[in-house]
């Protein structure tokens, strides 16, 4: 649900049949959906 034909085609084409990303974490990072933690010293 939510994924249509154009989104499915884009996912297949840009990931080369899902071979460029070996797991969901890499795919989420590639798609810009994975948050990354930034901290330094006493800064939260």
ModelCIF file with pLDDT and N, C-alpha, C, O atoms, coordinates in Angstrom:
data_MODEL
#
_entry.id   MODEL 
#
_entity.id                         1 
_entity.type                       polymer 
_entity.pdbx_number_of_molecules   1 
#
_entity_poly.entity_id                      1 
_entity_poly.type                           'polypeptide(L)' 
_entity_poly.nstd_linkage                   no 
_entity_poly.nstd_monomer                   no 
_entity_poly.pdbx_seq_one_letter_code       
;(UNK)(UNK)(UNK)(UNK)(UNK)(UNK)(UNK)(UNK)(UNK)(UNK)(UNK)(UNK)(UNK)(UNK)(UNK)(UNK)
(UNK)(UNK)(UNK)(UNK)(UNK)(UNK)(UNK)(UNK)(UNK)(UNK)(UNK)(UNK)(UNK)(UNK)(UNK)(UNK)
(UNK)(UNK)(UNK)(UNK)(UNK)(UNK)(UNK)(UNK)(UNK)(UNK)(UNK)(UNK)
;
_entity_poly.pdbx_seq_one_letter_code_can   XXXXXXXXXXXXXXXXXXXXXXXXXXXXXXXXXXXXXXXXXXXX 
_entity_poly.pdbx_strand_id                 A 
#
loop_
_entity_poly_seq.entity_id 
_entity_poly_seq.num 
_entity_poly_seq.mon_id 
_entity_poly_seq.hetero 
1 1  UNK n 
1 2  UNK n 
1 3  UNK n 
1 4  UNK n 
1 5  UNK n 
1 6  UNK n 
1 7  UNK n 
1 8  UNK n 
1 9  UNK n 
1 10 UNK n 
1 11 UNK n 
1 12 UNK n 
1 13 UNK n 
1 14 UNK n 
1 15 UNK n 
1 16 UNK n 
1 17 UNK n 
1 18 UNK n 
1 19 UNK n 
1 20 UNK n 
1 21 UNK n 
1 22 UNK n 
1 23 UNK n 
1 24 UNK n 
1 25 UNK n 
1 26 UNK n 
1 27 UNK n 
1 28 UNK n 
1 29 UNK n 
1 30 UNK n 
1 31 UNK n 
1 32 UNK n 
1 33 UNK n 
1 34 UNK n 
1 35 UNK n 
1 36 UNK n 
1 37 UNK n 
1 38 UNK n 
1 39 UNK n 
1 40 UNK n 
1 41 UNK n 
1 42 UNK n 
1 43 UNK n 
1 44 UNK n 
#
_struct_asym.id          A 
_struct_asym.entity_id   1 
#
loop_
_ma_qa_metric.id 
_ma_qa_metric.mode 
_ma_qa_metric.name 
_ma_qa_metric.software_group_id 
_ma_qa_metric.type 
1 global pLDDT . pLDDT 
2 local  pLDDT . pLDDT 
#
_ma_qa_metric_global.metric_id      1 
_ma_qa_metric_global.metric_value   87.98 
_ma_qa_metric_global.model_id       1 
_ma_qa_metric_global.ordinal_id     1 
#
loop_
_ma_qa_metric_local.label_asym_id 
_ma_qa_metric_local.label_comp_id 
_ma_qa_metric_local.label_seq_id 
_ma_qa_metric_local.metric_id 
_ma_qa_metric_local.metric_value 
_ma_qa_metric_local.model_id 
_ma_qa_metric_local.ordinal_id 
A UNK 1  2 90.00 1 1  
A UNK 2  2 90.00 1 2  
A UNK 3  2 92.00 1 3  
A UNK 4  2 92.00 1 4  
A UNK 5  2 93.00 1 5  
A UNK 6  2 94.00 1 6  
A UNK 7  2 94.00 1 7  
A UNK 8  2 94.00 1 8  
A UNK 9  2 95.00 1 9  
A UNK 10 2 94.00 1 10 
A UNK 11 2 95.00 1 11 
A UNK 12 2 94.00 1 12 
A UNK 13 2 93.00 1 13 
A UNK 14 2 92.00 1 14 
A UNK 15 2 92.00 1 15 
A UNK 16 2 91.00 1 16 
A UNK 17 2 92.00 1 17 
A UNK 18 2 92.00 1 18 
A UNK 19 2 89.00 1 19 
A UNK 20 2 86.00 1 20 
A UNK 21 2 86.00 1 21 
A UNK 22 2 85.00 1 22 
A UNK 23 2 89.00 1 23 
A UNK 24 2 89.00 1 24 
A UNK 25 2 89.00 1 25 
A UNK 26 2 90.00 1 26 
A UNK 27 2 92.00 1 27 
A UNK 28 2 91.00 1 28 
A UNK 29 2 91.00 1 29 
A UNK 30 2 91.00 1 30 
A UNK 31 2 91.00 1 31 
A UNK 32 2 90.00 1 32 
A UNK 33 2 88.00 1 33 
A UNK 34 2 84.00 1 34 
A UNK 35 2 81.00 1 35 
A UNK 36 2 80.00 1 36 
A UNK 37 2 78.00 1 37 
A UNK 38 2 80.00 1 38 
A UNK 39 2 79.00 1 39 
A UNK 40 2 79.00 1 40 
A UNK 41 2 78.00 1 41 
A UNK 42 2 75.00 1 42 
A UNK 43 2 76.00 1 43 
A UNK 44 2 75.00 1 44 
#
loop_
_atom_site.group_PDB 
_atom_site.id 
_atom_site.type_symbol 
_atom_site.label_atom_id 
_atom_site.label_alt_id 
_atom_site.label_comp_id 
_atom_site.label_asym_id 
_atom_site.label_entity_id 
_atom_site.label_seq_id 
_atom_site.pdbx_PDB_ins_code 
_atom_site.Cartn_x 
_atom_site.Cartn_y 
_atom_site.Cartn_z 
_atom_site.occupancy 
_atom_site.B_iso_or_equiv 
_atom_site.pdbx_formal_charge 
_atom_site.auth_seq_id 
_atom_site.auth_comp_id 
_atom_site.auth_asym_id 
_atom_site.auth_atom_id 
_atom_site.pdbx_PDB_model_num 
ATOM 1   N N  . UNK A 1 1  ? 0.835  -1.214 0.000   1.00 90.00 ? 1  UNK A N  1 
ATOM 2   C CA . UNK A 1 1  ? 0.000  0.000  0.000   1.00 90.00 ? 1  UNK A CA 1 
ATOM 3   C C  . UNK A 1 1  ? 0.867  1.260  0.000   1.00 90.00 ? 1  UNK A C  1 
ATOM 4   O O  . UNK A 1 1  ? 1.780  1.397  0.814   1.00 90.00 ? 1  UNK A O  1 
ATOM 5   N N  . UNK A 1 2  ? 0.570  2.177  -0.922  1.00 90.00 ? 2  UNK A N  1 
ATOM 6   C CA . UNK A 1 2  ? 1.319  3.419  -1.030  1.00 90.00 ? 2  UNK A CA 1 
ATOM 7   C C  . UNK A 1 2  ? 2.320  3.434  -2.158  1.00 90.00 ? 2  UNK A C  1 
ATOM 8   O O  . UNK A 1 2  ? 2.692  4.507  -2.633  1.00 90.00 ? 2  UNK A O  1 
ATOM 9   N N  . UNK A 1 3  ? 2.768  2.269  -2.601  1.00 92.00 ? 3  UNK A N  1 
ATOM 10  C CA . UNK A 1 3  ? 3.758  2.194  -3.676  1.00 92.00 ? 3  UNK A CA 1 
ATOM 11  C C  . UNK A 1 3  ? 3.042  1.880  -4.980  1.00 92.00 ? 3  UNK A C  1 
ATOM 12  O O  . UNK A 1 3  ? 2.453  0.811  -5.138  1.00 92.00 ? 3  UNK A O  1 
ATOM 13  N N  . UNK A 1 4  ? 3.101  2.824  -5.910  1.00 92.00 ? 4  UNK A N  1 
ATOM 14  C CA . UNK A 1 4  ? 2.489  2.651  -7.212  1.00 92.00 ? 4  UNK A CA 1 
ATOM 15  C C  . UNK A 1 4  ? 3.503  2.220  -8.253  1.00 92.00 ? 4  UNK A C  1 
ATOM 16  O O  . UNK A 1 4  ? 4.638  1.872  -7.930  1.00 92.00 ? 4  UNK A O  1 
ATOM 17  N N  . UNK A 1 5  ? 3.081  2.249  -9.494  1.00 93.00 ? 5  UNK A N  1 
ATOM 18  C CA . UNK A 1 5  ? 3.931  1.774  -10.590 1.00 93.00 ? 5  UNK A CA 1 
ATOM 19  C C  . UNK A 1 5  ? 5.186  2.614  -10.748 1.00 93.00 ? 5  UNK A C  1 
ATOM 20  O O  . UNK A 1 5  ? 6.278  2.068  -10.908 1.00 93.00 ? 5  UNK A O  1 
ATOM 21  N N  . UNK A 1 6  ? 5.048  3.941  -10.705 1.00 94.00 ? 6  UNK A N  1 
ATOM 22  C CA . UNK A 1 6  ? 6.207  4.806  -10.929 1.00 94.00 ? 6  UNK A CA 1 
ATOM 23  C C  . UNK A 1 6  ? 7.211  4.714  -9.783  1.00 94.00 ? 6  UNK A C  1 
ATOM 24  O O  . UNK A 1 6  ? 8.419  4.724  -10.019 1.00 94.00 ? 6  UNK A O  1 
ATOM 25  N N  . UNK A 1 7  ? 6.726  4.625  -8.554  1.00 94.00 ? 7  UNK A N  1 
ATOM 26  C CA . UNK A 1 7  ? 7.630  4.460  -7.412  1.00 94.00 ? 7  UNK A CA 1 
ATOM 27  C C  . UNK A 1 7  ? 8.344  3.123  -7.479  1.00 94.00 ? 7  UNK A C  1 
ATOM 28  O O  . UNK A 1 7  ? 9.537  3.039  -7.189  1.00 94.00 ? 7  UNK A O  1 
ATOM 29  N N  . UNK A 1 8  ? 7.621  2.076  -7.861  1.00 94.00 ? 8  UNK A N  1 
ATOM 30  C CA . UNK A 1 8  ? 8.225  0.746  -7.980  1.00 94.00 ? 8  UNK A CA 1 
ATOM 31  C C  . UNK A 1 8  ? 9.292  0.718  -9.066  1.00 94.00 ? 8  UNK A C  1 
ATOM 32  O O  . UNK A 1 8  ? 10.366 0.150  -8.866  1.00 94.00 ? 8  UNK A O  1 
ATOM 33  N N  . UNK A 1 9  ? 9.006  1.325  -10.209 1.00 95.00 ? 9  UNK A N  1 
ATOM 34  C CA . UNK A 1 9  ? 9.987  1.378  -11.297 1.00 95.00 ? 9  UNK A CA 1 
ATOM 35  C C  . UNK A 1 9  ? 11.230 2.155  -10.883 1.00 95.00 ? 9  UNK A C  1 
ATOM 36  O O  . UNK A 1 9  ? 12.353 1.755  -11.191 1.00 95.00 ? 9  UNK A O  1 
ATOM 37  N N  . UNK A 1 10 ? 11.023 3.275  -10.178 1.00 94.00 ? 10 UNK A N  1 
ATOM 38  C CA . UNK A 1 10 ? 12.161 4.078  -9.722  1.00 94.00 ? 10 UNK A CA 1 
ATOM 39  C C  . UNK A 1 10 ? 13.031 3.289  -8.741  1.00 94.00 ? 10 UNK A C  1 
ATOM 40  O O  . UNK A 1 10 ? 14.258 3.343  -8.823  1.00 94.00 ? 10 UNK A O  1 
ATOM 41  N N  . UNK A 1 11 ? 12.407 2.561  -7.819  1.00 95.00 ? 11 UNK A N  1 
ATOM 42  C CA . UNK A 1 11 ? 13.159 1.761  -6.856  1.00 95.00 ? 11 UNK A CA 1 
ATOM 43  C C  . UNK A 1 11 ? 13.988 0.683  -7.555  1.00 95.00 ? 11 UNK A C  1 
ATOM 44  O O  . UNK A 1 11 ? 15.152 0.473  -7.214  1.00 95.00 ? 11 UNK A O  1 
ATOM 45  N N  . UNK A 1 12 ? 13.391 0.008  -8.524  1.00 94.00 ? 12 UNK A N  1 
ATOM 46  C CA . UNK A 1 12 ? 14.106 -1.060 -9.234  1.00 94.00 ? 12 UNK A CA 1 
ATOM 47  C C  . UNK A 1 12 ? 15.255 -0.502 -10.065 1.00 94.00 ? 12 UNK A C  1 
ATOM 48  O O  . UNK A 1 12 ? 16.348 -1.067 -10.075 1.00 94.00 ? 12 UNK A O  1 
ATOM 49  N N  . UNK A 1 13 ? 15.009 0.615  -10.767 1.00 93.00 ? 13 UNK A N  1 
ATOM 50  C CA . UNK A 1 13 ? 16.025 1.179  -11.666 1.00 93.00 ? 13 UNK A CA 1 
ATOM 51  C C  . UNK A 1 13 ? 17.196 1.788  -10.907 1.00 93.00 ? 13 UNK A C  1 
ATOM 52  O O  . UNK A 1 13 ? 18.351 1.556  -11.266 1.00 93.00 ? 13 UNK A O  1 
ATOM 53  N N  . UNK A 1 14 ? 16.917 2.559  -9.869  1.00 92.00 ? 14 UNK A N  1 
ATOM 54  C CA . UNK A 1 14 ? 17.990 3.261  -9.172  1.00 92.00 ? 14 UNK A CA 1 
ATOM 55  C C  . UNK A 1 14 ? 18.781 2.359  -8.229  1.00 92.00 ? 14 UNK A C  1 
ATOM 56  O O  . UNK A 1 14 ? 19.884 2.719  -7.816  1.00 92.00 ? 14 UNK A O  1 
ATOM 57  N N  . UNK A 1 15 ? 18.237 1.199  -7.886  1.00 92.00 ? 15 UNK A N  1 
ATOM 58  C CA . UNK A 1 15 ? 18.968 0.264  -7.022  1.00 92.00 ? 15 UNK A CA 1 
ATOM 59  C C  . UNK A 1 15 ? 19.533 -0.920 -7.804  1.00 92.00 ? 15 UNK A C  1 
ATOM 60  O O  . UNK A 1 15 ? 20.105 -1.842 -7.222  1.00 92.00 ? 15 UNK A O  1 
ATOM 61  N N  . UNK A 1 16 ? 19.367 -0.887 -9.139  1.00 91.00 ? 16 UNK A N  1 
ATOM 62  C CA . UNK A 1 16 ? 19.888 -1.964 -9.991  1.00 91.00 ? 16 UNK A CA 1 
ATOM 63  C C  . UNK A 1 16 ? 19.372 -3.324 -9.523  1.00 91.00 ? 16 UNK A C  1 
ATOM 64  O O  . UNK A 1 16 ? 20.147 -4.205 -9.153  1.00 91.00 ? 16 UNK A O  1 
ATOM 65  N N  . UNK A 1 17 ? 18.066 -3.473 -9.547  1.00 92.00 ? 17 UNK A N  1 
ATOM 66  C CA . UNK A 1 17 ? 17.391 -4.692 -9.087  1.00 92.00 ? 17 UNK A CA 1 
ATOM 67  C C  . UNK A 1 17 ? 17.666 -4.969 -7.602  1.00 92.00 ? 17 UNK A C  1 
ATOM 68  O O  . UNK A 1 17 ? 17.746 -6.128 -7.194  1.00 92.00 ? 17 UNK A O  1 
ATOM 69  N N  . UNK A 1 18 ? 17.810 -3.915 -6.800  1.00 92.00 ? 18 UNK A N  1 
ATOM 70  C CA . UNK A 1 18 ? 18.057 -4.020 -5.356  1.00 92.00 ? 18 UNK A CA 1 
ATOM 71  C C  . UNK A 1 18 ? 19.390 -4.723 -5.057  1.00 92.00 ? 18 UNK A C  1 
ATOM 72  O O  . UNK A 1 18 ? 19.508 -5.432 -4.057  1.00 92.00 ? 18 UNK A O  1 
ATOM 73  N N  . UNK A 1 19 ? 20.381 -4.529 -5.916  1.00 89.00 ? 19 UNK A N  1 
ATOM 74  C CA . UNK A 1 19 ? 21.700 -5.126 -5.686  1.00 89.00 ? 19 UNK A CA 1 
ATOM 75  C C  . UNK A 1 19 ? 22.699 -4.131 -5.111  1.00 89.00 ? 19 UNK A C  1 
ATOM 76  O O  . UNK A 1 19 ? 23.688 -4.544 -4.505  1.00 89.00 ? 19 UNK A O  1 
ATOM 77  N N  . UNK A 1 20 ? 22.469 -2.822 -5.285  1.00 86.00 ? 20 UNK A N  1 
ATOM 78  C CA . UNK A 1 20 ? 23.408 -1.837 -4.758  1.00 86.00 ? 20 UNK A CA 1 
ATOM 79  C C  . UNK A 1 20 ? 23.289 -1.691 -3.244  1.00 86.00 ? 20 UNK A C  1 
ATOM 80  O O  . UNK A 1 20 ? 24.229 -1.231 -2.596  1.00 86.00 ? 20 UNK A O  1 
ATOM 81  N N  . UNK A 1 21 ? 22.152 -2.074 -2.675  1.00 86.00 ? 21 UNK A N  1 
ATOM 82  C CA . UNK A 1 21 ? 21.937 -2.017 -1.223  1.00 86.00 ? 21 UNK A CA 1 
ATOM 83  C C  . UNK A 1 21 ? 21.665 -3.432 -0.723  1.00 86.00 ? 21 UNK A C  1 
ATOM 84  O O  . UNK A 1 21 ? 20.717 -4.081 -1.165  1.00 86.00 ? 21 UNK A O  1 
ATOM 85  N N  . UNK A 1 22 ? 22.488 -3.900 0.188   1.00 85.00 ? 22 UNK A N  1 
ATOM 86  C CA . UNK A 1 22 ? 22.371 -5.286 0.651   1.00 85.00 ? 22 UNK A CA 1 
ATOM 87  C C  . UNK A 1 22 ? 21.354 -5.468 1.765   1.00 85.00 ? 22 UNK A C  1 
ATOM 88  O O  . UNK A 1 22 ? 20.929 -6.593 2.027   1.00 85.00 ? 22 UNK A O  1 
ATOM 89  N N  . UNK A 1 23 ? 20.953 -4.382 2.429   1.00 89.00 ? 23 UNK A N  1 
ATOM 90  C CA . UNK A 1 23 ? 19.969 -4.492 3.508   1.00 89.00 ? 23 UNK A CA 1 
ATOM 91  C C  . UNK A 1 23 ? 19.102 -3.244 3.543   1.00 89.00 ? 23 UNK A C  1 
ATOM 92  O O  . UNK A 1 23 ? 19.363 -2.273 2.835   1.00 89.00 ? 23 UNK A O  1 
ATOM 93  N N  . UNK A 1 24 ? 18.073 -3.280 4.369   1.00 89.00 ? 24 UNK A N  1 
ATOM 94  C CA . UNK A 1 24 ? 17.112 -2.175 4.428   1.00 89.00 ? 24 UNK A CA 1 
ATOM 95  C C  . UNK A 1 24 ? 17.726 -0.900 4.994   1.00 89.00 ? 24 UNK A C  1 
ATOM 96  O O  . UNK A 1 24 ? 17.303 0.200  4.639   1.00 89.00 ? 24 UNK A O  1 
ATOM 97  N N  . UNK A 1 25 ? 18.718 -1.037 5.870   1.00 89.00 ? 25 UNK A N  1 
ATOM 98  C CA . UNK A 1 25 ? 19.378 0.145  6.423   1.00 89.00 ? 25 UNK A CA 1 
ATOM 99  C C  . UNK A 1 25 ? 20.113 0.938  5.347   1.00 89.00 ? 25 UNK A C  1 
ATOM 100 O O  . UNK A 1 25 ? 20.031 2.166  5.304   1.00 89.00 ? 25 UNK A O  1 
ATOM 101 N N  . UNK A 1 26 ? 20.829 0.230  4.481   1.00 90.00 ? 26 UNK A N  1 
ATOM 102 C CA . UNK A 1 26 ? 21.522 0.897  3.388   1.00 90.00 ? 26 UNK A CA 1 
ATOM 103 C C  . UNK A 1 26 ? 20.540 1.544  2.417   1.00 90.00 ? 26 UNK A C  1 
ATOM 104 O O  . UNK A 1 26 ? 20.772 2.649  1.928   1.00 90.00 ? 26 UNK A O  1 
ATOM 105 N N  . UNK A 1 27 ? 19.435 0.840  2.143   1.00 92.00 ? 27 UNK A N  1 
ATOM 106 C CA . UNK A 1 27 ? 18.431 1.386  1.225   1.00 92.00 ? 27 UNK A CA 1 
ATOM 107 C C  . UNK A 1 27 ? 17.777 2.633  1.818   1.00 92.00 ? 27 UNK A C  1 
ATOM 108 O O  . UNK A 1 27 ? 17.537 3.605  1.102   1.00 92.00 ? 27 UNK A O  1 
ATOM 109 N N  . UNK A 1 28 ? 17.489 2.614  3.116   1.00 91.00 ? 28 UNK A N  1 
ATOM 110 C CA . UNK A 1 28 ? 16.890 3.781  3.774   1.00 91.00 ? 28 UNK A CA 1 
ATOM 111 C C  . UNK A 1 28 ? 17.844 4.973  3.738   1.00 91.00 ? 28 UNK A C  1 
ATOM 112 O O  . UNK A 1 28 ? 17.417 6.111  3.540   1.00 91.00 ? 28 UNK A O  1 
ATOM 113 N N  . UNK A 1 29 ? 19.126 4.711  3.929   1.00 91.00 ? 29 UNK A N  1 
ATOM 114 C CA . UNK A 1 29 ? 20.125 5.781  3.850   1.00 91.00 ? 29 UNK A CA 1 
ATOM 115 C C  . UNK A 1 29 ? 20.210 6.341  2.441   1.00 91.00 ? 29 UNK A C  1 
ATOM 116 O O  . UNK A 1 29 ? 20.318 7.552  2.252   1.00 91.00 ? 29 UNK A O  1 
ATOM 117 N N  . UNK A 1 30 ? 20.161 5.451  1.446   1.00 91.00 ? 30 UNK A N  1 
ATOM 118 C CA . UNK A 1 30 ? 20.240 5.866  0.041   1.00 91.00 ? 30 UNK A CA 1 
ATOM 119 C C  . UNK A 1 30 ? 19.019 6.689  -0.357  1.00 91.00 ? 30 UNK A C  1 
ATOM 120 O O  . UNK A 1 30 ? 19.128 7.619  -1.156  1.00 91.00 ? 30 UNK A O  1 
ATOM 121 N N  . UNK A 1 31 ? 17.867 6.351  0.194   1.00 91.00 ? 31 UNK A N  1 
ATOM 122 C CA . UNK A 1 31 ? 16.625 7.066  -0.121  1.00 91.00 ? 31 UNK A CA 1 
ATOM 123 C C  . UNK A 1 31 ? 16.420 8.314  0.730   1.00 91.00 ? 31 UNK A C  1 
ATOM 124 O O  . UNK A 1 31 ? 15.451 9.045  0.526   1.00 91.00 ? 31 UNK A O  1 
ATOM 125 N N  . UNK A 1 32 ? 17.316 8.569  1.682   1.00 90.00 ? 32 UNK A N  1 
ATOM 126 C CA . UNK A 1 32 ? 17.190 9.757  2.521   1.00 90.00 ? 32 UNK A CA 1 
ATOM 127 C C  . UNK A 1 32 ? 16.140 9.631  3.593   1.00 90.00 ? 32 UNK A C  1 
ATOM 128 O O  . UNK A 1 32 ? 15.530 10.626 3.983   1.00 90.00 ? 32 UNK A O  1 
ATOM 129 N N  . UNK A 1 33 ? 15.912 8.403  4.088   1.00 88.00 ? 33 UNK A N  1 
ATOM 130 C CA . UNK A 1 33 ? 14.909 8.179  5.142   1.00 88.00 ? 33 UNK A CA 1 
ATOM 131 C C  . UNK A 1 33 ? 15.534 7.792  6.480   1.00 88.00 ? 33 UNK A C  1 
ATOM 132 O O  . UNK A 1 33 ? 14.831 7.717  7.488   1.00 88.00 ? 33 UNK A O  1 
ATOM 133 N N  . UNK A 1 34 ? 16.843 7.547  6.505   1.00 84.00 ? 34 UNK A N  1 
ATOM 134 C CA . UNK A 1 34 ? 17.494 7.067  7.729   1.00 84.00 ? 34 UNK A CA 1 
ATOM 135 C C  . UNK A 1 34 ? 18.132 8.236  8.474   1.00 84.00 ? 34 UNK A C  1 
ATOM 136 O O  . UNK A 1 34 ? 18.957 8.949  7.904   1.00 84.00 ? 34 UNK A O  1 
ATOM 137 N N  . UNK A 1 35 ? 17.767 8.444  9.737   1.00 81.00 ? 35 UNK A N  1 
ATOM 138 C CA . UNK A 1 35 ? 18.393 9.519  10.521  1.00 81.00 ? 35 UNK A CA 1 
ATOM 139 C C  . UNK A 1 35 ? 19.765 9.103  11.044  1.00 81.00 ? 35 UNK A C  1 
ATOM 140 O O  . UNK A 1 35 ? 19.998 7.930  11.338  1.00 81.00 ? 35 UNK A O  1 
ATOM 141 N N  . UNK A 1 36 ? 20.670 10.079 11.157  1.00 80.00 ? 36 UNK A N  1 
ATOM 142 C CA . UNK A 1 36 ? 22.010 9.845  11.689  1.00 80.00 ? 36 UNK A CA 1 
ATOM 143 C C  . UNK A 1 36 ? 22.210 10.728 12.917  1.00 80.00 ? 36 UNK A C  1 
ATOM 144 O O  . UNK A 1 36 ? 21.801 11.889 12.934  1.00 80.00 ? 36 UNK A O  1 
ATOM 145 N N  . UNK A 1 37 ? 22.840 10.167 13.933  1.00 78.00 ? 37 UNK A N  1 
ATOM 146 C CA . UNK A 1 37 ? 23.037 10.884 15.195  1.00 78.00 ? 37 UNK A CA 1 
ATOM 147 C C  . UNK A 1 37 ? 24.265 11.785 15.110  1.00 78.00 ? 37 UNK A C  1 
ATOM 148 O O  . UNK A 1 37 ? 25.311 11.386 14.599  1.00 78.00 ? 37 UNK A O  1 
ATOM 149 N N  . UNK A 1 38 ? 24.119 13.015 15.623  1.00 80.00 ? 38 UNK A N  1 
ATOM 150 C CA . UNK A 1 38 ? 25.221 13.986 15.669  1.00 80.00 ? 38 UNK A CA 1 
ATOM 151 C C  . UNK A 1 38 ? 25.370 14.454 17.117  1.00 80.00 ? 38 UNK A C  1 
ATOM 152 O O  . UNK A 1 38 ? 24.429 14.984 17.707  1.00 80.00 ? 38 UNK A O  1 
ATOM 153 N N  . UNK A 1 39 ? 26.552 14.256 17.676  1.00 79.00 ? 39 UNK A N  1 
ATOM 154 C CA . UNK A 1 39 ? 26.816 14.689 19.054  1.00 79.00 ? 39 UNK A CA 1 
ATOM 155 C C  . UNK A 1 39 ? 28.282 15.067 19.186  1.00 79.00 ? 39 UNK A C  1 
ATOM 156 O O  . UNK A 1 39 ? 29.131 14.580 18.438  1.00 79.00 ? 39 UNK A O  1 
ATOM 157 N N  . UNK A 1 40 ? 28.569 15.936 20.140  1.00 79.00 ? 40 UNK A N  1 
ATOM 158 C CA . UNK A 1 40 ? 29.940 16.363 20.381  1.00 79.00 ? 40 UNK A CA 1 
ATOM 159 C C  . UNK A 1 40 ? 30.055 16.885 21.800  1.00 79.00 ? 40 UNK A C  1 
ATOM 160 O O  . UNK A 1 40 ? 29.352 17.821 22.183  1.00 79.00 ? 40 UNK A O  1 
ATOM 161 N N  . UNK A 1 41 ? 30.952 16.272 22.591  1.00 78.00 ? 41 UNK A N  1 
ATOM 162 C CA . UNK A 1 41 ? 31.176 16.730 23.947  1.00 78.00 ? 41 UNK A CA 1 
ATOM 163 C C  . UNK A 1 41 ? 29.925 16.674 24.800  1.00 78.00 ? 41 UNK A C  1 
ATOM 164 O O  . UNK A 1 41 ? 29.259 15.642 24.885  1.00 78.00 ? 41 UNK A O  1 
ATOM 165 N N  . UNK A 1 42 ? 29.613 17.802 25.432  1.00 75.00 ? 42 UNK A N  1 
ATOM 166 C CA . UNK A 1 42 ? 28.443 17.879 26.305  1.00 75.00 ? 42 UNK A CA 1 
ATOM 167 C C  . UNK A 1 42 ? 27.164 18.187 25.550  1.00 75.00 ? 42 UNK A C  1 
ATOM 168 O O  . UNK A 1 42 ? 26.082 18.208 26.137  1.00 75.00 ? 42 UNK A O  1 
ATOM 169 N N  . UNK A 1 43 ? 27.279 18.425 24.261  1.00 76.00 ? 43 UNK A N  1 
ATOM 170 C CA . UNK A 1 43 ? 26.104 18.744 23.459  1.00 76.00 ? 43 UNK A CA 1 
ATOM 171 C C  . UNK A 1 43 ? 25.206 17.522 23.341  1.00 76.00 ? 43 UNK A C  1 
ATOM 172 O O  . UNK A 1 43 ? 25.674 16.415 23.073  1.00 76.00 ? 43 UNK A O  1 
ATOM 173 N N  . UNK A 1 44 ? 23.916 17.733 23.543  1.00 75.00 ? 44 UNK A N  1 
ATOM 174 C CA . UNK A 1 44 ? 22.968 16.619 23.473  1.00 75.00 ? 44 UNK A CA 1 
ATOM 175 C C  . UNK A 1 44 ? 22.915 16.068 22.045  1.00 75.00 ? 44 UNK A C  1 
ATOM 176 O O  . UNK A 1 44 ? 22.174 15.123 21.776  1.00 75.00 ? 44 UNK A O  1 
#
